[in-house]
Amino acid sequence: MAHAVQIRDGFSGWLTQSLTLDAEKTSDIILAVNEALANAAEHAYLGSPQPGLMHAHAEHDPELATLTVWITDEGRWHVKDPSIAPNPGRGRGTMLMRALADRTAVDSTTTGTQVRLQWDHIRARLDAAAQRAQDDDRLLA
């Protein structure tokens, strides 16, 4: 079973190898995905004797130039006890995801929660041959 850190690190490697992003956009995407993973780890399995399953799936659509990432769990969302005073340093994960992604959706059911994060204007990284051809085209222009 992969842990949130392993999922995030694997995603980060795929992201930087597969897509053309500047450092700020890369950081924003990784932070948003990390927040979704942290929420799943913390909220879905609260009170469970063992950590539960989390799944991550990322898809780049080159025609639409969009990146979509789904983080899902198989736990149950636990509503905070209103009698416990909120910690002012916590509770900003969903707000942060919404600020960092172009679109964010959270769907909670009795069988788990799915977070969908989506970004626009994301281009695929060209392989070496495609990059040379593109460079040659620029030279001809």
N, C-alpha and C. Protein backbone atom coordinates (compact mmCIF):
# COMPACT_ATOMS: atom_id res chain seq x y z
N MET A 1 0.85 -1.18 0.00
CA MET A 1 0.00 0.00 0.00
C MET A 1 0.90 1.24 0.00
N ALA A 2 0.67 2.13 -0.94
CA ALA A 2 1.45 3.36 -1.03
C ALA A 2 0.94 4.37 -0.01
N HIS A 3 1.87 5.11 0.56
CA HIS A 3 1.53 6.17 1.49
C HIS A 3 1.46 7.49 0.74
N ALA A 4 0.89 8.51 1.36
CA ALA A 4 0.71 9.80 0.71
C ALA A 4 2.02 10.36 0.17
N VAL A 5 3.09 10.22 0.93
CA VAL A 5 4.39 10.75 0.49
C VAL A 5 4.87 10.03 -0.77
N GLN A 6 4.69 8.72 -0.81
CA GLN A 6 5.10 7.96 -2.00
C GLN A 6 4.25 8.35 -3.21
N ILE A 7 2.97 8.52 -3.00
CA ILE A 7 2.09 8.92 -4.10
C ILE A 7 2.50 10.30 -4.61
N ARG A 8 2.72 11.24 -3.68
CA ARG A 8 3.11 12.59 -4.07
C ARG A 8 4.44 12.59 -4.81
N ASP A 9 5.42 11.85 -4.31
CA ASP A 9 6.73 11.82 -4.96
C ASP A 9 6.66 11.19 -6.35
N GLY A 10 5.88 10.12 -6.49
CA GLY A 10 5.69 9.51 -7.80
C GLY A 10 5.01 10.45 -8.78
N PHE A 11 3.99 11.15 -8.30
CA PHE A 11 3.29 12.11 -9.13
C PHE A 11 4.22 13.25 -9.53
N SER A 12 4.99 13.74 -8.59
CA SER A 12 5.92 14.84 -8.85
C SER A 12 6.91 14.47 -9.95
N GLY A 13 7.44 13.25 -9.88
CA GLY A 13 8.37 12.79 -10.91
C GLY A 13 7.71 12.72 -12.27
N TRP A 14 6.50 12.16 -12.32
CA TRP A 14 5.76 12.08 -13.59
C TRP A 14 5.49 13.47 -14.14
N LEU A 15 5.08 14.38 -13.27
CA LEU A 15 4.72 15.73 -13.68
C LEU A 15 5.90 16.43 -14.35
N THR A 16 7.05 16.39 -13.73
CA THR A 16 8.21 17.11 -14.27
C THR A 16 8.78 16.43 -15.51
N GLN A 17 8.59 15.13 -15.65
CA GLN A 17 9.09 14.44 -16.83
C GLN A 17 8.13 14.54 -18.01
N SER A 18 6.85 14.68 -17.74
CA SER A 18 5.85 14.60 -18.80
C SER A 18 5.32 15.93 -19.30
N LEU A 19 5.37 16.95 -18.47
CA LEU A 19 4.72 18.21 -18.82
C LEU A 19 5.69 19.38 -18.78
N THR A 20 5.39 20.40 -19.56
CA THR A 20 6.21 21.60 -19.61
C THR A 20 5.58 22.62 -18.66
N LEU A 21 6.24 22.84 -17.53
CA LEU A 21 5.72 23.74 -16.51
C LEU A 21 6.85 24.59 -15.95
N ASP A 22 6.51 25.82 -15.58
CA ASP A 22 7.52 26.61 -14.88
C ASP A 22 7.54 26.18 -13.41
N ALA A 23 8.53 26.64 -12.68
CA ALA A 23 8.71 26.21 -11.30
C ALA A 23 7.52 26.56 -10.41
N GLU A 24 6.93 27.73 -10.61
CA GLU A 24 5.81 28.14 -9.78
C GLU A 24 4.58 27.26 -10.02
N LYS A 25 4.27 26.97 -11.29
CA LYS A 25 3.12 26.14 -11.61
C LYS A 25 3.33 24.72 -11.09
N THR A 26 4.56 24.21 -11.24
CA THR A 26 4.88 22.88 -10.72
C THR A 26 4.64 22.83 -9.22
N SER A 27 5.13 23.83 -8.51
CA SER A 27 4.95 23.90 -7.06
C SER A 27 3.48 23.98 -6.68
N ASP A 28 2.71 24.79 -7.40
CA ASP A 28 1.27 24.93 -7.12
C ASP A 28 0.54 23.60 -7.29
N ILE A 29 0.84 22.91 -8.37
CA ILE A 29 0.16 21.63 -8.64
C ILE A 29 0.52 20.60 -7.58
N ILE A 30 1.80 20.49 -7.26
CA ILE A 30 2.23 19.51 -6.26
C ILE A 30 1.63 19.84 -4.90
N LEU A 31 1.58 21.11 -4.54
CA LEU A 31 1.00 21.50 -3.25
C LEU A 31 -0.49 21.16 -3.20
N ALA A 32 -1.23 21.43 -4.27
CA ALA A 32 -2.66 21.12 -4.29
C ALA A 32 -2.90 19.61 -4.17
N VAL A 33 -2.11 18.82 -4.91
CA VAL A 33 -2.24 17.36 -4.83
C VAL A 33 -1.87 16.87 -3.43
N ASN A 34 -0.82 17.44 -2.85
CA ASN A 34 -0.42 17.06 -1.50
C ASN A 34 -1.53 17.37 -0.49
N GLU A 35 -2.20 18.49 -0.65
CA GLU A 35 -3.31 18.84 0.25
C GLU A 35 -4.45 17.84 0.12
N ALA A 36 -4.76 17.43 -1.10
CA ALA A 36 -5.82 16.43 -1.30
C ALA A 36 -5.43 15.11 -0.64
N LEU A 37 -4.17 14.71 -0.79
CA LEU A 37 -3.70 13.48 -0.15
C LEU A 37 -3.74 13.60 1.37
N ALA A 38 -3.31 14.73 1.89
CA ALA A 38 -3.31 14.94 3.35
C ALA A 38 -4.74 14.91 3.89
N ASN A 39 -5.68 15.52 3.17
CA ASN A 39 -7.08 15.48 3.62
C ASN A 39 -7.60 14.06 3.64
N ALA A 40 -7.28 13.28 2.61
CA ALA A 40 -7.73 11.89 2.58
C ALA A 40 -7.13 11.11 3.74
N ALA A 41 -5.85 11.29 3.97
CA ALA A 41 -5.17 10.56 5.05
C ALA A 41 -5.74 10.94 6.41
N GLU A 42 -6.03 12.21 6.58
CA GLU A 42 -6.49 12.67 7.90
C GLU A 42 -7.98 12.46 8.14
N HIS A 43 -8.80 12.81 7.16
CA HIS A 43 -10.24 12.83 7.40
C HIS A 43 -10.96 11.53 7.07
N ALA A 44 -10.51 10.82 6.06
CA ALA A 44 -11.25 9.63 5.61
C ALA A 44 -11.17 8.48 6.60
N TYR A 45 -10.07 8.39 7.30
CA TYR A 45 -9.85 7.22 8.14
C TYR A 45 -9.67 7.60 9.61
N LEU A 46 -10.21 8.74 9.99
CA LEU A 46 -10.14 9.19 11.37
C LEU A 46 -10.78 8.16 12.29
N GLY A 47 -10.05 7.71 13.27
CA GLY A 47 -10.57 6.72 14.21
C GLY A 47 -10.40 5.29 13.74
N SER A 48 -9.88 5.08 12.54
CA SER A 48 -9.64 3.73 12.04
C SER A 48 -8.36 3.17 12.67
N PRO A 49 -8.34 1.88 12.96
CA PRO A 49 -7.15 1.30 13.58
C PRO A 49 -5.93 1.27 12.66
N GLN A 50 -6.15 1.29 11.33
CA GLN A 50 -5.05 1.26 10.38
C GLN A 50 -5.29 2.30 9.29
N PRO A 51 -4.21 2.74 8.64
CA PRO A 51 -4.40 3.67 7.52
C PRO A 51 -5.20 2.99 6.41
N GLY A 52 -5.97 3.76 5.71
CA GLY A 52 -6.78 3.21 4.62
C GLY A 52 -6.17 3.49 3.27
N LEU A 53 -6.87 3.06 2.25
CA LEU A 53 -6.39 3.20 0.87
C LEU A 53 -6.65 4.59 0.32
N MET A 54 -5.68 5.07 -0.45
CA MET A 54 -5.80 6.29 -1.22
C MET A 54 -5.37 5.96 -2.64
N HIS A 55 -5.99 6.60 -3.60
CA HIS A 55 -5.65 6.37 -4.99
C HIS A 55 -5.43 7.71 -5.67
N ALA A 56 -4.48 7.76 -6.58
CA ALA A 56 -4.23 8.97 -7.36
C ALA A 56 -4.18 8.59 -8.83
N HIS A 57 -4.79 9.41 -9.64
CA HIS A 57 -4.77 9.21 -11.09
C HIS A 57 -4.62 10.59 -11.73
N ALA A 58 -3.69 10.70 -12.66
CA ALA A 58 -3.48 11.96 -13.36
C ALA A 58 -3.60 11.71 -14.85
N GLU A 59 -4.17 12.70 -15.53
CA GLU A 59 -4.36 12.57 -16.98
C GLU A 59 -4.15 13.92 -17.64
N HIS A 60 -3.32 13.92 -18.67
CA HIS A 60 -3.11 15.14 -19.44
C HIS A 60 -3.81 14.98 -20.78
N ASP A 61 -4.62 15.96 -21.14
CA ASP A 61 -5.29 15.97 -22.43
C ASP A 61 -4.56 16.98 -23.31
N PRO A 62 -3.73 16.51 -24.25
CA PRO A 62 -2.95 17.44 -25.06
C PRO A 62 -3.80 18.32 -25.98
N GLU A 63 -4.95 17.83 -26.43
CA GLU A 63 -5.81 18.64 -27.30
C GLU A 63 -6.44 19.80 -26.54
N LEU A 64 -6.88 19.54 -25.32
CA LEU A 64 -7.47 20.60 -24.51
C LEU A 64 -6.43 21.33 -23.67
N ALA A 65 -5.21 20.78 -23.60
CA ALA A 65 -4.13 21.33 -22.77
C ALA A 65 -4.55 21.43 -21.31
N THR A 66 -5.19 20.36 -20.83
CA THR A 66 -5.61 20.32 -19.43
C THR A 66 -4.94 19.16 -18.71
N LEU A 67 -4.71 19.37 -17.45
CA LEU A 67 -4.23 18.34 -16.53
C LEU A 67 -5.32 18.12 -15.51
N THR A 68 -5.73 16.87 -15.35
CA THR A 68 -6.73 16.52 -14.34
C THR A 68 -6.12 15.49 -13.41
N VAL A 69 -6.27 15.71 -12.11
CA VAL A 69 -5.77 14.79 -11.10
C VAL A 69 -6.94 14.43 -10.19
N TRP A 70 -7.12 13.12 -9.99
CA TRP A 70 -8.13 12.62 -9.07
C TRP A 70 -7.44 11.98 -7.89
N ILE A 71 -7.85 12.35 -6.68
CA ILE A 71 -7.40 11.71 -5.45
C ILE A 71 -8.65 11.11 -4.82
N THR A 72 -8.63 9.81 -4.58
CA THR A 72 -9.80 9.16 -4.00
C THR A 72 -9.40 8.36 -2.78
N ASP A 73 -10.36 8.19 -1.90
CA ASP A 73 -10.17 7.32 -0.73
C ASP A 73 -11.40 6.44 -0.60
N GLU A 74 -11.33 5.49 0.28
CA GLU A 74 -12.44 4.56 0.50
C GLU A 74 -12.98 4.68 1.93
N GLY A 75 -12.71 5.83 2.52
CA GLY A 75 -13.16 6.03 3.90
C GLY A 75 -14.43 6.84 3.97
N ARG A 76 -14.71 7.31 5.15
CA ARG A 76 -15.93 8.11 5.37
C ARG A 76 -15.51 9.46 5.92
N TRP A 77 -16.10 10.49 5.36
CA TRP A 77 -15.81 11.84 5.84
C TRP A 77 -16.33 11.98 7.25
N HIS A 78 -15.51 12.52 8.11
CA HIS A 78 -15.91 12.71 9.50
C HIS A 78 -16.10 14.20 9.77
N VAL A 79 -17.28 14.55 10.17
CA VAL A 79 -17.59 15.94 10.50
C VAL A 79 -16.98 16.25 11.85
N LYS A 80 -16.35 17.42 11.93
CA LYS A 80 -15.72 17.81 13.18
C LYS A 80 -16.76 18.02 14.26
N ASP A 81 -16.39 17.66 15.49
CA ASP A 81 -17.25 17.86 16.65
C ASP A 81 -17.34 19.36 16.92
N PRO A 82 -18.54 19.95 16.84
CA PRO A 82 -18.66 21.40 17.03
C PRO A 82 -18.33 21.86 18.46
N SER A 83 -18.31 20.95 19.40
CA SER A 83 -17.99 21.34 20.78
C SER A 83 -16.49 21.54 20.98
N ILE A 84 -15.68 21.08 20.02
CA ILE A 84 -14.22 21.24 20.12
C ILE A 84 -13.84 22.53 19.40
N ALA A 85 -13.11 23.38 20.09
CA ALA A 85 -12.69 24.66 19.51
C ALA A 85 -11.79 24.41 18.30
N PRO A 86 -12.03 25.13 17.21
CA PRO A 86 -11.21 24.93 16.01
C PRO A 86 -9.78 25.42 16.23
N ASN A 87 -8.86 24.74 15.59
CA ASN A 87 -7.45 25.13 15.63
C ASN A 87 -7.26 26.16 14.52
N PRO A 88 -6.86 27.40 14.86
CA PRO A 88 -6.74 28.45 13.84
C PRO A 88 -5.68 28.15 12.79
N GLY A 89 -4.76 27.24 13.04
CA GLY A 89 -3.72 26.90 12.09
C GLY A 89 -4.11 25.77 11.15
N ARG A 90 -5.34 25.32 11.23
CA ARG A 90 -5.77 24.17 10.43
C ARG A 90 -7.03 24.52 9.65
N GLY A 91 -7.44 23.59 8.79
CA GLY A 91 -8.71 23.75 8.09
C GLY A 91 -8.68 24.58 6.84
N ARG A 92 -7.50 24.68 6.22
CA ARG A 92 -7.40 25.49 5.01
C ARG A 92 -7.10 24.68 3.76
N GLY A 93 -7.09 23.36 3.87
CA GLY A 93 -6.71 22.50 2.75
C GLY A 93 -7.58 22.66 1.52
N THR A 94 -8.88 22.61 1.69
CA THR A 94 -9.79 22.72 0.55
C THR A 94 -9.72 24.12 -0.04
N MET A 95 -9.63 25.12 0.80
CA MET A 95 -9.51 26.50 0.33
C MET A 95 -8.22 26.66 -0.49
N LEU A 96 -7.14 26.06 -0.03
CA LEU A 96 -5.87 26.13 -0.73
C LEU A 96 -5.95 25.41 -2.09
N MET A 97 -6.56 24.23 -2.11
CA MET A 97 -6.72 23.51 -3.38
C MET A 97 -7.50 24.34 -4.38
N ARG A 98 -8.57 24.99 -3.92
CA ARG A 98 -9.39 25.82 -4.81
C ARG A 98 -8.61 27.01 -5.34
N ALA A 99 -7.72 27.56 -4.53
CA ALA A 99 -6.92 28.71 -4.96
C ALA A 99 -5.83 28.30 -5.96
N LEU A 100 -5.31 27.09 -5.84
CA LEU A 100 -4.19 26.65 -6.66
C LEU A 100 -4.60 26.02 -7.99
N ALA A 101 -5.79 25.43 -8.05
CA ALA A 101 -6.25 24.76 -9.28
C ALA A 101 -7.24 25.66 -10.01
N ASP A 102 -7.36 25.44 -11.32
CA ASP A 102 -8.34 26.20 -12.09
C ASP A 102 -9.76 25.75 -11.78
N ARG A 103 -9.91 24.46 -11.51
CA ARG A 103 -11.20 23.91 -11.10
C ARG A 103 -10.96 22.84 -10.05
N THR A 104 -11.83 22.82 -9.04
CA THR A 104 -11.74 21.83 -7.96
C THR A 104 -13.14 21.32 -7.67
N ALA A 105 -13.26 20.00 -7.53
CA ALA A 105 -14.54 19.40 -7.16
C ALA A 105 -14.27 18.35 -6.09
N VAL A 106 -15.14 18.32 -5.09
CA VAL A 106 -15.04 17.32 -4.02
C VAL A 106 -16.38 16.61 -3.96
N ASP A 107 -16.33 15.30 -4.11
CA ASP A 107 -17.55 14.49 -4.09
C ASP A 107 -17.41 13.44 -3.00
N SER A 108 -18.17 13.60 -1.92
CA SER A 108 -18.13 12.65 -0.80
C SER A 108 -19.38 11.78 -0.82
N THR A 109 -19.18 10.47 -0.71
CA THR A 109 -20.28 9.53 -0.63
C THR A 109 -20.02 8.60 0.55
N THR A 110 -20.89 7.65 0.76
CA THR A 110 -20.70 6.70 1.86
C THR A 110 -19.57 5.72 1.58
N THR A 111 -19.12 5.64 0.32
CA THR A 111 -18.05 4.70 -0.02
C THR A 111 -16.71 5.38 -0.22
N GLY A 112 -16.63 6.69 -0.01
CA GLY A 112 -15.36 7.39 -0.14
C GLY A 112 -15.53 8.79 -0.69
N THR A 113 -14.41 9.44 -0.85
CA THR A 113 -14.39 10.82 -1.35
C THR A 113 -13.47 10.89 -2.54
N GLN A 114 -13.89 11.67 -3.54
CA GLN A 114 -13.05 11.92 -4.70
C GLN A 114 -12.83 13.41 -4.82
N VAL A 115 -11.57 13.80 -4.92
CA VAL A 115 -11.20 15.19 -5.19
C VAL A 115 -10.69 15.24 -6.62
N ARG A 116 -11.24 16.16 -7.40
CA ARG A 116 -10.78 16.34 -8.78
C ARG A 116 -10.20 17.75 -8.89
N LEU A 117 -8.95 17.79 -9.29
CA LEU A 117 -8.24 19.06 -9.48
C LEU A 117 -7.93 19.18 -10.97
N GLN A 118 -8.14 20.37 -11.52
CA GLN A 118 -7.90 20.53 -12.95
C GLN A 118 -7.21 21.87 -13.23
N TRP A 119 -6.26 21.81 -14.16
CA TRP A 119 -5.51 22.99 -14.59
C TRP A 119 -5.58 23.12 -16.10
N ASP A 120 -5.65 24.35 -16.57
CA ASP A 120 -5.69 24.66 -18.00
C ASP A 120 -4.31 25.14 -18.46
N HIS A 121 -4.13 25.16 -19.78
CA HIS A 121 -2.92 25.67 -20.42
C HIS A 121 -1.67 24.89 -19.99
N ILE A 122 -1.82 23.58 -19.95
CA ILE A 122 -0.71 22.69 -19.57
C ILE A 122 -0.27 21.94 -20.83
N ARG A 123 0.99 22.09 -21.18
CA ARG A 123 1.50 21.45 -22.39
C ARG A 123 2.36 20.24 -22.04
N ALA A 124 2.33 19.26 -22.93
CA ALA A 124 3.18 18.08 -22.77
C ALA A 124 4.62 18.45 -23.10
N ARG A 125 5.53 17.78 -22.43
CA ARG A 125 6.95 17.95 -22.73
C ARG A 125 7.23 17.18 -24.01
N LEU A 126 7.93 17.80 -24.92
CA LEU A 126 8.27 17.15 -26.18
C LEU A 126 9.43 16.19 -25.98
N ASP A 127 9.39 15.06 -26.68
CA ASP A 127 10.55 14.18 -26.64
C ASP A 127 11.66 14.82 -27.47
N ALA A 128 12.86 14.28 -27.43
CA ALA A 128 14.02 14.89 -28.07
C ALA A 128 13.82 15.08 -29.57
N ALA A 129 13.26 14.08 -30.26
CA ALA A 129 13.06 14.18 -31.71
C ALA A 129 12.05 15.26 -32.04
N ALA A 130 10.97 15.32 -31.29
CA ALA A 130 9.94 16.34 -31.53
C ALA A 130 10.49 17.73 -31.24
N GLN A 131 11.33 17.86 -30.21
CA GLN A 131 11.93 19.14 -29.88
C GLN A 131 12.84 19.62 -31.00
N ARG A 132 13.65 18.71 -31.56
CA ARG A 132 14.54 19.06 -32.68
C ARG A 132 13.71 19.51 -33.89
N ALA A 133 12.64 18.80 -34.19
CA ALA A 133 11.79 19.18 -35.32
C ALA A 133 11.17 20.55 -35.10
N GLN A 134 10.73 20.80 -33.88
CA GLN A 134 10.15 22.11 -33.58
C GLN A 134 11.20 23.21 -33.70
N ASP A 135 12.42 22.93 -33.21
CA ASP A 135 13.51 23.90 -33.32
C ASP A 135 13.84 24.15 -34.78
N ASP A 136 13.85 23.09 -35.62
CA ASP A 136 14.10 23.25 -37.05
C ASP A 136 13.03 24.11 -37.70
N ASP A 137 11.77 23.90 -37.30
CA ASP A 137 10.67 24.70 -37.85
C ASP A 137 10.86 26.17 -37.49
N ARG A 138 11.33 26.44 -36.29
CA ARG A 138 11.56 27.83 -35.88
C ARG A 138 12.67 28.47 -36.70
N LEU A 139 13.70 27.68 -37.02
CA LEU A 139 14.80 28.19 -37.82
C LEU A 139 14.34 28.57 -39.22
N LEU A 140 13.36 27.84 -39.75
CA LEU A 140 12.86 28.09 -41.09
C LEU A 140 11.93 29.31 -41.15
N ALA A 141 11.39 29.67 -40.04
CA ALA A 141 10.39 30.75 -40.00
C ALA A 141 11.04 32.13 -40.07
